[in-house]
Amino acid sequence: MKAGLAADDVPEEPVEGLRVIKRRERHAAVHALYDKGVQIEVIARTLGLDRKTVRRYAHAATPEDASLGTGSRRYGQIHAYSSHLYRRWNEGCTDAARLHAEITGLGYLGSKRTVRGHLEQIRASGKPAPEKPKELTVRKATWLITAPPTRSTRVTR
């Protein structure tokens, strides 16, 4: 323990982060309007939020419920199955519906449309799929979390 700090000075509960505070404020603002019967599109325009974000907050009973299922969507569940998709693509199977059925058997819960969109990038390149899919490294994840919001829209390296 550092000099000058007594055992009583250590907070018992963790300090709330900025994201938690912002989530609670958004939830309260959305519900203040939604509970009055204001339409989701109007709330979105008024608060400057995306309609999907407003819908998520409006349908969440608590601010914590609004965050469930978010955060990792940018990287996506499909990336866990990329190595299988890339291997099968290079073997000559380019049918998104068939590949969707295969990875569904492996536990994938996403849609055919997501698989098709993922494969579209490979199809558009005209090249074989990479042997090893790009991984979200600790360094990239740290950069995404700590970079200023204006810079975190693209990952370099």
N, C-alpha and C. Protein backbone atom coordinates (compact mmCIF):
# COMPACT_ATOMS: atom_id res chain seq x y z
N MET A 1 0.85 -1.18 0.00
CA MET A 1 0.00 0.00 0.00
C MET A 1 0.89 1.23 0.00
N LYS A 2 0.49 2.25 -0.72
CA LYS A 2 1.29 3.47 -0.82
C LYS A 2 1.23 4.24 0.50
N ALA A 3 2.29 5.00 0.71
CA ALA A 3 2.35 5.82 1.91
C ALA A 3 1.28 6.89 1.86
N GLY A 4 0.65 7.14 2.97
CA GLY A 4 -0.36 8.20 3.02
C GLY A 4 -1.77 7.69 2.80
N LEU A 5 -1.92 6.41 2.40
CA LEU A 5 -3.25 5.86 2.19
C LEU A 5 -3.58 4.91 3.33
N ALA A 6 -4.67 5.13 3.94
CA ALA A 6 -5.12 4.23 5.00
C ALA A 6 -5.99 3.15 4.39
N ALA A 7 -6.19 2.09 5.11
CA ALA A 7 -7.02 0.99 4.60
C ALA A 7 -8.45 1.47 4.34
N ASP A 8 -8.88 2.49 5.09
CA ASP A 8 -10.24 3.01 4.91
C ASP A 8 -10.40 3.81 3.63
N ASP A 9 -9.30 4.26 3.02
CA ASP A 9 -9.36 5.08 1.82
C ASP A 9 -9.59 4.28 0.54
N VAL A 10 -9.44 2.97 0.61
CA VAL A 10 -9.61 2.12 -0.57
C VAL A 10 -11.10 1.91 -0.80
N PRO A 11 -11.60 2.29 -1.99
CA PRO A 11 -13.04 2.11 -2.24
C PRO A 11 -13.41 0.63 -2.28
N GLU A 12 -14.55 0.31 -1.70
CA GLU A 12 -15.00 -1.08 -1.67
C GLU A 12 -15.58 -1.51 -3.01
N GLU A 13 -16.27 -0.59 -3.70
CA GLU A 13 -16.86 -0.92 -4.99
C GLU A 13 -16.00 -0.33 -6.09
N PRO A 14 -15.91 -1.02 -7.23
CA PRO A 14 -15.09 -0.49 -8.32
C PRO A 14 -15.69 0.82 -8.86
N VAL A 15 -14.81 1.68 -9.31
CA VAL A 15 -15.24 2.95 -9.88
C VAL A 15 -15.85 2.68 -11.25
N GLU A 16 -16.97 3.33 -11.55
CA GLU A 16 -17.63 3.12 -12.83
C GLU A 16 -16.84 3.78 -13.95
N GLY A 17 -16.78 3.10 -15.06
CA GLY A 17 -16.09 3.64 -16.21
C GLY A 17 -16.99 4.57 -17.00
N LEU A 18 -16.39 5.29 -17.92
CA LEU A 18 -17.11 6.25 -18.76
C LEU A 18 -18.18 5.56 -19.59
N ARG A 19 -17.88 4.36 -20.09
CA ARG A 19 -18.86 3.64 -20.92
C ARG A 19 -20.10 3.27 -20.12
N VAL A 20 -19.90 2.85 -18.89
CA VAL A 20 -21.03 2.46 -18.04
C VAL A 20 -21.91 3.67 -17.77
N ILE A 21 -21.28 4.78 -17.46
CA ILE A 21 -22.02 6.02 -17.18
C ILE A 21 -22.79 6.45 -18.43
N LYS A 22 -22.11 6.42 -19.57
CA LYS A 22 -22.75 6.83 -20.83
C LYS A 22 -23.92 5.90 -21.17
N ARG A 23 -23.75 4.60 -20.94
CA ARG A 23 -24.82 3.63 -21.22
C ARG A 23 -26.04 3.92 -20.36
N ARG A 24 -25.81 4.21 -19.08
CA ARG A 24 -26.93 4.51 -18.18
C ARG A 24 -27.64 5.80 -18.60
N GLU A 25 -26.86 6.80 -19.00
CA GLU A 25 -27.47 8.07 -19.44
C GLU A 25 -28.30 7.85 -20.70
N ARG A 26 -27.76 7.11 -21.65
CA ARG A 26 -28.50 6.82 -22.89
C ARG A 26 -29.77 6.05 -22.60
N HIS A 27 -29.66 5.04 -21.75
CA HIS A 27 -30.83 4.23 -21.41
C HIS A 27 -31.92 5.09 -20.80
N ALA A 28 -31.53 5.97 -19.88
CA ALA A 28 -32.50 6.85 -19.23
C ALA A 28 -33.12 7.82 -20.24
N ALA A 29 -32.30 8.38 -21.12
CA ALA A 29 -32.81 9.34 -22.11
C ALA A 29 -33.77 8.66 -23.09
N VAL A 30 -33.40 7.47 -23.55
CA VAL A 30 -34.25 6.74 -24.49
C VAL A 30 -35.57 6.38 -23.82
N HIS A 31 -35.50 5.85 -22.59
CA HIS A 31 -36.72 5.44 -21.91
C HIS A 31 -37.60 6.62 -21.51
N ALA A 32 -37.00 7.77 -21.26
CA ALA A 32 -37.80 8.95 -20.93
C ALA A 32 -38.74 9.28 -22.09
N LEU A 33 -38.26 9.10 -23.32
CA LEU A 33 -39.08 9.39 -24.50
C LEU A 33 -39.92 8.18 -24.91
N TYR A 34 -39.30 6.99 -24.89
CA TYR A 34 -40.00 5.78 -25.35
C TYR A 34 -41.21 5.47 -24.47
N ASP A 35 -41.08 5.67 -23.16
CA ASP A 35 -42.18 5.40 -22.25
C ASP A 35 -43.35 6.37 -22.43
N LYS A 36 -43.08 7.51 -23.07
CA LYS A 36 -44.14 8.48 -23.38
C LYS A 36 -44.80 8.17 -24.72
N GLY A 37 -44.30 7.15 -25.42
CA GLY A 37 -44.90 6.76 -26.69
C GLY A 37 -44.25 7.38 -27.91
N VAL A 38 -43.10 8.00 -27.73
CA VAL A 38 -42.39 8.60 -28.87
C VAL A 38 -41.80 7.48 -29.72
N GLN A 39 -41.91 7.62 -31.04
CA GLN A 39 -41.43 6.59 -31.95
C GLN A 39 -39.91 6.51 -31.93
N ILE A 40 -39.39 5.33 -32.22
CA ILE A 40 -37.95 5.07 -32.19
C ILE A 40 -37.21 5.98 -33.16
N GLU A 41 -37.75 6.18 -34.35
CA GLU A 41 -37.09 7.05 -35.34
C GLU A 41 -36.98 8.49 -34.83
N VAL A 42 -38.00 8.96 -34.16
CA VAL A 42 -38.00 10.32 -33.61
C VAL A 42 -36.98 10.42 -32.48
N ILE A 43 -36.92 9.41 -31.63
CA ILE A 43 -35.95 9.39 -30.54
C ILE A 43 -34.53 9.40 -31.13
N ALA A 44 -34.31 8.62 -32.17
CA ALA A 44 -32.99 8.54 -32.79
C ALA A 44 -32.56 9.91 -33.31
N ARG A 45 -33.48 10.60 -33.99
CA ARG A 45 -33.15 11.94 -34.51
C ARG A 45 -32.91 12.92 -33.38
N THR A 46 -33.74 12.86 -32.36
CA THR A 46 -33.65 13.79 -31.24
C THR A 46 -32.33 13.62 -30.47
N LEU A 47 -31.95 12.38 -30.22
CA LEU A 47 -30.75 12.12 -29.42
C LEU A 47 -29.48 11.96 -30.26
N GLY A 48 -29.65 11.94 -31.57
CA GLY A 48 -28.49 11.78 -32.45
C GLY A 48 -27.90 10.38 -32.40
N LEU A 49 -28.75 9.39 -32.25
CA LEU A 49 -28.32 8.00 -32.19
C LEU A 49 -28.87 7.23 -33.38
N ASP A 50 -28.27 6.09 -33.67
CA ASP A 50 -28.76 5.22 -34.72
C ASP A 50 -30.05 4.56 -34.25
N ARG A 51 -30.96 4.28 -35.20
CA ARG A 51 -32.23 3.65 -34.86
C ARG A 51 -32.04 2.31 -34.14
N LYS A 52 -31.05 1.52 -34.60
CA LYS A 52 -30.81 0.22 -33.98
C LYS A 52 -30.34 0.37 -32.54
N THR A 53 -29.55 1.39 -32.29
CA THR A 53 -29.09 1.65 -30.92
C THR A 53 -30.27 2.03 -30.04
N VAL A 54 -31.12 2.90 -30.55
CA VAL A 54 -32.30 3.33 -29.78
C VAL A 54 -33.20 2.13 -29.52
N ARG A 55 -33.40 1.29 -30.51
CA ARG A 55 -34.25 0.11 -30.35
C ARG A 55 -33.67 -0.82 -29.27
N ARG A 56 -32.34 -1.00 -29.29
CA ARG A 56 -31.71 -1.86 -28.30
C ARG A 56 -31.93 -1.32 -26.89
N TYR A 57 -31.76 0.00 -26.71
CA TYR A 57 -31.96 0.61 -25.40
C TYR A 57 -33.44 0.60 -25.01
N ALA A 58 -34.33 0.83 -25.96
CA ALA A 58 -35.76 0.87 -25.66
C ALA A 58 -36.27 -0.50 -25.21
N HIS A 59 -35.74 -1.55 -25.78
CA HIS A 59 -36.21 -2.89 -25.45
C HIS A 59 -35.45 -3.52 -24.29
N ALA A 60 -34.47 -2.80 -23.76
CA ALA A 60 -33.70 -3.32 -22.62
C ALA A 60 -34.33 -2.82 -21.32
N ALA A 61 -34.57 -3.73 -20.41
CA ALA A 61 -35.16 -3.36 -19.12
C ALA A 61 -34.18 -2.57 -18.27
N THR A 62 -32.90 -2.90 -18.36
CA THR A 62 -31.87 -2.20 -17.59
C THR A 62 -30.76 -1.75 -18.53
N PRO A 63 -29.95 -0.79 -18.11
CA PRO A 63 -28.82 -0.37 -18.96
C PRO A 63 -27.86 -1.53 -19.24
N GLU A 64 -27.70 -2.44 -18.30
CA GLU A 64 -26.80 -3.57 -18.50
C GLU A 64 -27.33 -4.50 -19.60
N ASP A 65 -28.65 -4.64 -19.69
CA ASP A 65 -29.24 -5.48 -20.74
C ASP A 65 -28.98 -4.89 -22.12
N ALA A 66 -28.85 -3.59 -22.21
CA ALA A 66 -28.62 -2.93 -23.49
C ALA A 66 -27.26 -3.27 -24.06
N SER A 67 -26.33 -3.64 -23.20
CA SER A 67 -24.98 -3.93 -23.69
C SER A 67 -24.78 -5.39 -24.03
N LEU A 68 -25.73 -6.25 -23.69
CA LEU A 68 -25.57 -7.66 -24.00
C LEU A 68 -25.53 -7.89 -25.50
N GLY A 69 -24.59 -8.69 -25.93
CA GLY A 69 -24.49 -9.02 -27.34
C GLY A 69 -23.82 -7.96 -28.18
N THR A 70 -23.27 -6.94 -27.57
CA THR A 70 -22.59 -5.91 -28.34
C THR A 70 -21.12 -5.91 -27.99
N GLY A 71 -20.39 -5.14 -28.71
CA GLY A 71 -18.97 -5.01 -28.42
C GLY A 71 -18.12 -5.84 -29.33
N SER A 72 -18.39 -7.15 -29.44
CA SER A 72 -17.59 -8.00 -30.28
C SER A 72 -18.16 -8.16 -31.68
N ARG A 73 -19.24 -7.50 -31.96
CA ARG A 73 -19.87 -7.67 -33.27
C ARG A 73 -18.99 -7.22 -34.42
N ARG A 74 -18.18 -6.18 -34.20
CA ARG A 74 -17.33 -5.74 -35.29
C ARG A 74 -16.40 -6.84 -35.74
N TYR A 75 -15.84 -7.54 -34.78
CA TYR A 75 -14.95 -8.64 -35.15
C TYR A 75 -15.78 -9.82 -35.62
N GLY A 76 -16.87 -10.09 -34.95
CA GLY A 76 -17.84 -11.05 -35.43
C GLY A 76 -17.59 -12.49 -35.06
N GLN A 77 -18.69 -13.20 -34.90
CA GLN A 77 -18.66 -14.61 -34.56
C GLN A 77 -18.12 -15.46 -35.70
N ILE A 78 -18.31 -15.00 -36.92
CA ILE A 78 -17.92 -15.80 -38.08
C ILE A 78 -16.41 -16.00 -38.16
N HIS A 79 -15.65 -15.09 -37.58
CA HIS A 79 -14.20 -15.20 -37.67
C HIS A 79 -13.67 -16.42 -36.95
N ALA A 80 -14.42 -16.96 -36.03
CA ALA A 80 -14.01 -18.20 -35.36
C ALA A 80 -14.04 -19.37 -36.34
N TYR A 81 -14.77 -19.23 -37.44
CA TYR A 81 -14.91 -20.30 -38.43
C TYR A 81 -14.17 -19.98 -39.73
N SER A 82 -13.41 -18.90 -39.73
CA SER A 82 -12.71 -18.48 -40.95
C SER A 82 -11.75 -19.54 -41.47
N SER A 83 -11.01 -20.20 -40.59
CA SER A 83 -10.04 -21.19 -41.07
C SER A 83 -10.76 -22.31 -41.83
N HIS A 84 -11.92 -22.74 -41.34
CA HIS A 84 -12.69 -23.78 -42.03
C HIS A 84 -13.20 -23.24 -43.38
N LEU A 85 -13.75 -22.03 -43.35
CA LEU A 85 -14.28 -21.45 -44.58
C LEU A 85 -13.18 -21.27 -45.63
N TYR A 86 -12.03 -20.77 -45.21
CA TYR A 86 -10.92 -20.53 -46.14
C TYR A 86 -10.38 -21.84 -46.71
N ARG A 87 -10.27 -22.86 -45.86
CA ARG A 87 -9.79 -24.16 -46.33
C ARG A 87 -10.73 -24.74 -47.36
N ARG A 88 -12.04 -24.71 -47.06
CA ARG A 88 -13.04 -25.25 -47.98
C ARG A 88 -13.10 -24.44 -49.28
N TRP A 89 -12.94 -23.12 -49.16
CA TRP A 89 -12.94 -22.26 -50.35
C TRP A 89 -11.79 -22.66 -51.27
N ASN A 90 -10.62 -22.86 -50.70
CA ASN A 90 -9.45 -23.23 -51.48
C ASN A 90 -9.55 -24.64 -52.04
N GLU A 91 -10.41 -25.47 -51.42
CA GLU A 91 -10.66 -26.81 -51.95
C GLU A 91 -11.65 -26.78 -53.11
N GLY A 92 -12.26 -25.61 -53.35
CA GLY A 92 -13.16 -25.46 -54.48
C GLY A 92 -14.63 -25.29 -54.12
N CYS A 93 -14.97 -25.36 -52.85
CA CYS A 93 -16.36 -25.17 -52.44
C CYS A 93 -16.61 -23.68 -52.23
N THR A 94 -17.34 -23.06 -53.17
CA THR A 94 -17.60 -21.62 -53.10
C THR A 94 -19.08 -21.31 -52.89
N ASP A 95 -19.85 -22.33 -52.55
CA ASP A 95 -21.28 -22.16 -52.32
C ASP A 95 -21.53 -21.73 -50.88
N ALA A 96 -21.97 -20.50 -50.69
CA ALA A 96 -22.15 -19.95 -49.35
C ALA A 96 -23.18 -20.74 -48.54
N ALA A 97 -24.25 -21.21 -49.18
CA ALA A 97 -25.28 -21.97 -48.47
C ALA A 97 -24.71 -23.28 -47.94
N ARG A 98 -23.92 -23.95 -48.77
CA ARG A 98 -23.31 -25.21 -48.34
C ARG A 98 -22.32 -24.97 -47.20
N LEU A 99 -21.49 -23.93 -47.34
CA LEU A 99 -20.52 -23.61 -46.30
C LEU A 99 -21.22 -23.21 -45.01
N HIS A 100 -22.34 -22.50 -45.14
CA HIS A 100 -23.12 -22.13 -43.96
C HIS A 100 -23.60 -23.39 -43.24
N ALA A 101 -24.09 -24.37 -44.00
CA ALA A 101 -24.56 -25.62 -43.40
C ALA A 101 -23.42 -26.34 -42.69
N GLU A 102 -22.24 -26.30 -43.28
CA GLU A 102 -21.09 -26.98 -42.66
C GLU A 102 -20.71 -26.34 -41.33
N ILE A 103 -20.59 -25.01 -41.32
CA ILE A 103 -20.16 -24.37 -40.08
C ILE A 103 -21.28 -24.32 -39.04
N THR A 104 -22.53 -24.41 -39.49
CA THR A 104 -23.64 -24.52 -38.54
C THR A 104 -23.51 -25.83 -37.79
N GLY A 105 -23.09 -26.87 -38.49
CA GLY A 105 -22.83 -28.16 -37.84
C GLY A 105 -21.69 -28.10 -36.84
N LEU A 106 -20.82 -27.10 -37.02
CA LEU A 106 -19.69 -26.92 -36.09
C LEU A 106 -20.04 -26.00 -34.93
N GLY A 107 -21.26 -25.43 -34.96
CA GLY A 107 -21.68 -24.58 -33.85
C GLY A 107 -21.94 -23.12 -34.21
N TYR A 108 -21.76 -22.74 -35.46
CA TYR A 108 -22.01 -21.36 -35.87
C TYR A 108 -23.50 -21.05 -35.77
N LEU A 109 -23.84 -19.90 -35.21
CA LEU A 109 -25.24 -19.54 -35.02
C LEU A 109 -25.70 -18.41 -35.92
N GLY A 110 -24.82 -17.89 -36.76
CA GLY A 110 -25.15 -16.76 -37.62
C GLY A 110 -25.94 -17.16 -38.85
N SER A 111 -26.20 -16.17 -39.69
CA SER A 111 -27.05 -16.37 -40.86
C SER A 111 -26.25 -16.71 -42.11
N LYS A 112 -26.96 -17.20 -43.12
CA LYS A 112 -26.35 -17.45 -44.43
C LYS A 112 -25.86 -16.15 -45.04
N ARG A 113 -26.59 -15.10 -44.79
CA ARG A 113 -26.24 -13.79 -45.35
C ARG A 113 -24.87 -13.32 -44.83
N THR A 114 -24.60 -13.57 -43.56
CA THR A 114 -23.32 -13.19 -42.99
C THR A 114 -22.19 -13.99 -43.63
N VAL A 115 -22.42 -15.29 -43.84
CA VAL A 115 -21.42 -16.14 -44.49
C VAL A 115 -21.19 -15.64 -45.91
N ARG A 116 -22.27 -15.35 -46.62
CA ARG A 116 -22.16 -14.86 -47.99
C ARG A 116 -21.37 -13.56 -48.05
N GLY A 117 -21.65 -12.65 -47.12
CA GLY A 117 -20.92 -11.38 -47.07
C GLY A 117 -19.44 -11.57 -46.76
N HIS A 118 -19.14 -12.51 -45.88
CA HIS A 118 -17.75 -12.80 -45.52
C HIS A 118 -17.01 -13.37 -46.74
N LEU A 119 -17.67 -14.25 -47.48
CA LEU A 119 -17.05 -14.86 -48.64
C LEU A 119 -16.97 -13.91 -49.83
N GLU A 120 -17.82 -12.91 -49.84
CA GLU A 120 -17.83 -11.94 -50.93
C GLU A 120 -16.48 -11.21 -51.03
N GLN A 121 -15.85 -10.97 -49.90
CA GLN A 121 -14.55 -10.32 -49.90
C GLN A 121 -13.51 -11.17 -50.63
N ILE A 122 -13.57 -12.46 -50.43
CA ILE A 122 -12.63 -13.37 -51.09
C ILE A 122 -12.97 -13.45 -52.58
N ARG A 123 -14.26 -13.58 -52.86
CA ARG A 123 -14.70 -13.69 -54.26
C ARG A 123 -14.29 -12.45 -55.05
N ALA A 124 -14.45 -11.27 -54.46
CA ALA A 124 -14.12 -10.02 -55.14
C ALA A 124 -12.63 -9.88 -55.40
N SER A 125 -11.80 -10.45 -54.54
CA SER A 125 -10.35 -10.32 -54.71
C SER A 125 -9.85 -11.15 -55.88
N GLY A 126 -10.56 -12.23 -56.22
CA GLY A 126 -10.13 -13.09 -57.32
C GLY A 126 -8.94 -13.96 -56.96
N LYS A 127 -8.53 -13.93 -55.72
CA LYS A 127 -7.38 -14.71 -55.25
C LYS A 127 -7.87 -15.83 -54.35
N PRO A 128 -7.02 -16.83 -54.14
CA PRO A 128 -7.40 -17.86 -53.17
C PRO A 128 -7.51 -17.25 -51.78
N ALA A 129 -8.27 -17.91 -50.93
CA ALA A 129 -8.41 -17.44 -49.56
C ALA A 129 -7.06 -17.58 -48.85
N PRO A 130 -6.78 -16.70 -47.91
CA PRO A 130 -5.51 -16.83 -47.19
C PRO A 130 -5.45 -18.14 -46.42
N GLU A 131 -4.26 -18.67 -46.27
CA GLU A 131 -4.10 -19.93 -45.53
C GLU A 131 -4.53 -19.77 -44.08
N LYS A 132 -4.15 -18.65 -43.50
CA LYS A 132 -4.48 -18.41 -42.10
C LYS A 132 -5.29 -17.12 -42.01
N PRO A 133 -6.47 -17.17 -41.41
CA PRO A 133 -7.27 -15.94 -41.30
C PRO A 133 -6.58 -14.91 -40.40
N LYS A 134 -6.88 -13.64 -40.64
CA LYS A 134 -6.34 -12.59 -39.80
C LYS A 134 -6.89 -12.77 -38.40
N GLU A 135 -6.03 -12.62 -37.43
CA GLU A 135 -6.44 -12.76 -36.05
C GLU A 135 -6.43 -11.40 -35.37
N LEU A 136 -7.29 -11.26 -34.43
CA LEU A 136 -7.30 -10.05 -33.61
C LEU A 136 -6.25 -10.27 -32.54
N THR A 137 -5.10 -9.62 -32.71
CA THR A 137 -4.01 -9.79 -31.76
C THR A 137 -4.24 -8.93 -30.54
N VAL A 138 -3.51 -9.23 -29.49
CA VAL A 138 -3.60 -8.45 -28.26
C VAL A 138 -3.22 -7.00 -28.56
N ARG A 139 -2.21 -6.81 -29.37
CA ARG A 139 -1.76 -5.46 -29.71
C ARG A 139 -2.86 -4.68 -30.44
N LYS A 140 -3.51 -5.30 -31.41
CA LYS A 140 -4.58 -4.62 -32.15
C LYS A 140 -5.78 -4.34 -31.25
N ALA A 141 -6.13 -5.32 -30.41
CA ALA A 141 -7.26 -5.13 -29.50
C ALA A 141 -6.98 -3.99 -28.53
N THR A 142 -5.78 -3.94 -28.00
CA THR A 142 -5.40 -2.86 -27.09
C THR A 142 -5.48 -1.52 -27.80
N TRP A 143 -4.98 -1.48 -29.03
CA TRP A 143 -5.02 -0.24 -29.80
C TRP A 143 -6.46 0.20 -30.04
N LEU A 144 -7.33 -0.74 -30.39
CA LEU A 144 -8.73 -0.40 -30.63
C LEU A 144 -9.40 0.16 -29.39
N ILE A 145 -9.04 -0.37 -28.24
CA ILE A 145 -9.65 0.08 -26.99
C ILE A 145 -9.11 1.43 -26.55
N THR A 146 -7.81 1.65 -26.74
CA THR A 146 -7.18 2.87 -26.20
C THR A 146 -7.05 4.01 -27.19
N ALA A 147 -7.23 3.75 -28.48
CA ALA A 147 -7.08 4.80 -29.48
C ALA A 147 -8.22 5.81 -29.37
N PRO A 148 -7.95 7.06 -29.71
CA PRO A 148 -9.04 8.05 -29.73
C PRO A 148 -10.14 7.58 -30.68
N PRO A 149 -11.40 7.87 -30.37
CA PRO A 149 -12.52 7.39 -31.20
C PRO A 149 -12.39 7.74 -32.68
N THR A 150 -11.79 8.85 -33.01
CA THR A 150 -11.67 9.24 -34.42
C THR A 150 -10.68 8.37 -35.16
N ARG A 151 -9.76 7.71 -34.46
CA ARG A 151 -8.74 6.90 -35.11
C ARG A 151 -9.06 5.42 -35.08
N SER A 152 -10.01 5.00 -34.27
CA SER A 152 -10.24 3.56 -34.11
C SER A 152 -11.14 2.97 -35.19
N THR A 153 -11.46 3.73 -36.23
CA THR A 153 -12.30 3.18 -37.28
C THR A 153 -11.52 2.33 -38.26
N ARG A 154 -10.20 2.42 -38.24
CA ARG A 154 -9.42 1.56 -39.12
C ARG A 154 -8.25 0.99 -38.33
N VAL A 155 -7.95 -0.27 -38.63
CA VAL A 155 -6.85 -0.93 -37.97
C VAL A 155 -5.68 -0.95 -38.92
N THR A 156 -4.53 -0.53 -38.44
CA THR A 156 -3.33 -0.54 -39.29
C THR A 156 -2.45 -1.72 -38.95
N ARG A 157 -1.55 -2.01 -39.84
CA ARG A 157 -0.58 -3.11 -39.75
C ARG A 157 -1.19 -4.36 -40.20
